[in-house]
C-alpha atoms as a PDB file:
ATOM      1  CA  MET A   1     -64.125   8.325  34.454  1.00  0.00           C
ATOM      2  CA  SER A   2     -60.505   8.353  33.311  1.00  0.00           C
ATOM      3  CA  ASP A   3     -59.128   8.780  29.814  1.00  0.00           C
ATOM      4  CA  PHE A   4     -57.558   5.325  29.751  1.00  0.00           C
ATOM      5  CA  ALA A   5     -56.866   2.204  31.787  1.00  0.00           C
ATOM      6  CA  ILE A   6     -54.097  -0.369  31.780  1.00  0.00           C
ATOM      7  CA  PHE A   7     -55.127  -3.884  32.810  1.00  0.00           C
ATOM      8  CA  GLN A   8     -53.449  -7.265  32.833  1.00  0.00           C
ATOM      9  CA  THR A   9     -54.785 -10.612  31.645  1.00  0.00           C
ATOM     10  CA  GLY A  10     -53.143 -13.721  30.246  1.00  0.00           C
ATOM     11  CA  GLY A  11     -49.703 -12.456  31.265  1.00  0.00           C
ATOM     12  CA  LYS A  12     -49.970  -9.348  29.076  1.00  0.00           C
ATOM     13  CA  GLN A  13     -50.889  -5.730  29.711  1.00  0.00           C
ATOM     14  CA  TYR A  14     -53.352  -3.758  27.599  1.00  0.00           C
ATOM     15  CA  ARG A  15     -53.930   0.010  27.412  1.00  0.00           C
ATOM     16  CA  VAL A  16     -57.550   0.822  26.541  1.00  0.00           C
ATOM     17  CA  LYS A  17     -60.009   3.683  26.435  1.00  0.00           C
ATOM     18  CA  VAL A  18     -63.770   3.746  25.953  1.00  0.00           C
ATOM     19  CA  GLY A  19     -64.728   2.404  22.526  1.00  0.00           C
ATOM     20  CA  ASP A  20     -61.455   0.577  21.800  1.00  0.00           C
ATOM     21  CA  VAL A  21     -61.515  -2.804  20.078  1.00  0.00           C
ATOM     22  CA  ILE A  22     -58.548  -4.989  21.049  1.00  0.00           C
ATOM     23  CA  LYS A  23     -57.371  -8.544  20.542  1.00  0.00           C
ATOM     24  CA  VAL A  24     -56.825 -10.399  23.832  1.00  0.00           C
ATOM     25  CA  GLU A  25     -54.973 -13.705  23.852  1.00  0.00           C
ATOM     26  CA  LYS A  26     -55.801 -16.663  26.088  1.00  0.00           C
ATOM     27  CA  LEU A  27     -59.400 -15.593  26.694  1.00  0.00           C
ATOM     28  CA  ASP A  28     -62.169 -18.166  26.561  1.00  0.00           C
ATOM     29  CA  ALA A  29     -65.341 -16.163  27.152  1.00  0.00           C
ATOM     30  CA  THR A  30     -68.562 -14.949  25.595  1.00  0.00           C
ATOM     31  CA  GLY A  31     -70.701 -11.886  26.248  1.00  0.00           C
ATOM     32  CA  ASP A  32     -69.476  -9.364  28.804  1.00  0.00           C
ATOM     33  CA  VAL A  33     -66.117  -9.842  30.531  1.00  0.00           C
ATOM     34  CA  THR A  34     -64.809  -7.984  33.586  1.00  0.00           C
ATOM     35  CA  PHE A  35     -61.092  -7.463  34.082  1.00  0.00           C
ATOM     36  CA  ASP A  36     -60.339  -6.540  37.687  1.00  0.00           C
ATOM     37  CA  HIS A  37     -56.541  -6.584  37.570  1.00  0.00           C
ATOM     38  CA  VAL A  38     -56.299  -2.845  36.725  1.00  0.00           C
ATOM     39  CA  LEU A  39     -52.756  -1.491  37.023  1.00  0.00           C
ATOM     40  CA  MET A  40     -53.372   2.144  36.056  1.00  0.00           C
ATOM     41  CA  LEU A  41     -56.450   4.314  35.658  1.00  0.00           C
ATOM     42  CA  GLY A  42     -55.655   7.682  34.110  1.00  0.00           C
ATOM     43  CA  GLU A  43     -53.076   9.299  36.407  1.00  0.00           C
ATOM     44  CA  THR A  44     -53.730   6.824  39.262  1.00  0.00           C
ATOM     45  CA  VAL A  45     -51.124   4.072  39.540  1.00  0.00           C
ATOM     46  CA  GLY A  46     -51.910   0.904  41.488  1.00  0.00           C
ATOM     47  CA  THR A  47     -49.701  -0.737  44.089  1.00  0.00           C
ATOM     48  CA  PRO A  48     -49.750  -3.180  42.270  1.00  0.00           C
ATOM     49  CA  THR A  49     -53.458  -2.890  41.358  1.00  0.00           C
ATOM     50  CA  ILE A  50     -56.171  -0.322  42.043  1.00  0.00           C
ATOM     51  CA  ASP A  51     -58.722  -1.588  44.570  1.00  0.00           C
ATOM     52  CA  GLY A  52     -62.246  -1.617  43.160  1.00  0.00           C
ATOM     53  CA  ALA A  53     -61.218  -0.648  39.631  1.00  0.00           C
ATOM     54  CA  ARG A  54     -62.362  -2.779  36.726  1.00  0.00           C
ATOM     55  CA  VAL A  55     -62.563  -2.777  32.951  1.00  0.00           C
ATOM     56  CA  VAL A  56     -65.767  -4.177  31.438  1.00  0.00           C
ATOM     57  CA  ALA A  57     -65.660  -5.414  27.844  1.00  0.00           C
ATOM     58  CA  THR A  58     -67.839  -7.291  25.375  1.00  0.00           C
ATOM     59  CA  VAL A  59     -66.497 -10.213  23.380  1.00  0.00           C
ATOM     60  CA  VAL A  60     -67.340  -9.548  19.741  1.00  0.00           C
ATOM     61  CA  GLU A  61     -65.514 -12.459  18.103  1.00  0.00           C
ATOM     62  CA  GLN A  62     -63.589 -15.628  18.988  1.00  0.00           C
ATOM     63  CA  LYS A  63     -60.795 -16.640  16.612  1.00  0.00           C
ATOM     64  CA  ARG A  64     -58.093 -19.232  16.433  1.00  0.00           C
ATOM     65  CA  ASP A  65     -54.851 -18.272  14.727  1.00  0.00           C
END
């Protein structure tokens, strides 16, 4: 497992590591979400993405700003 990952969703890129809590825009989901558009995983850089890599997250709250 790598120290961090960079993934893309909703036209934006997010840098995360295990245990991070982030705010993701344009996401309509509940429960667990899998992001498979991983651009970087530790020192490994995708061309443009890394085959088979994914970031799994849990939606903890839905808000409207």
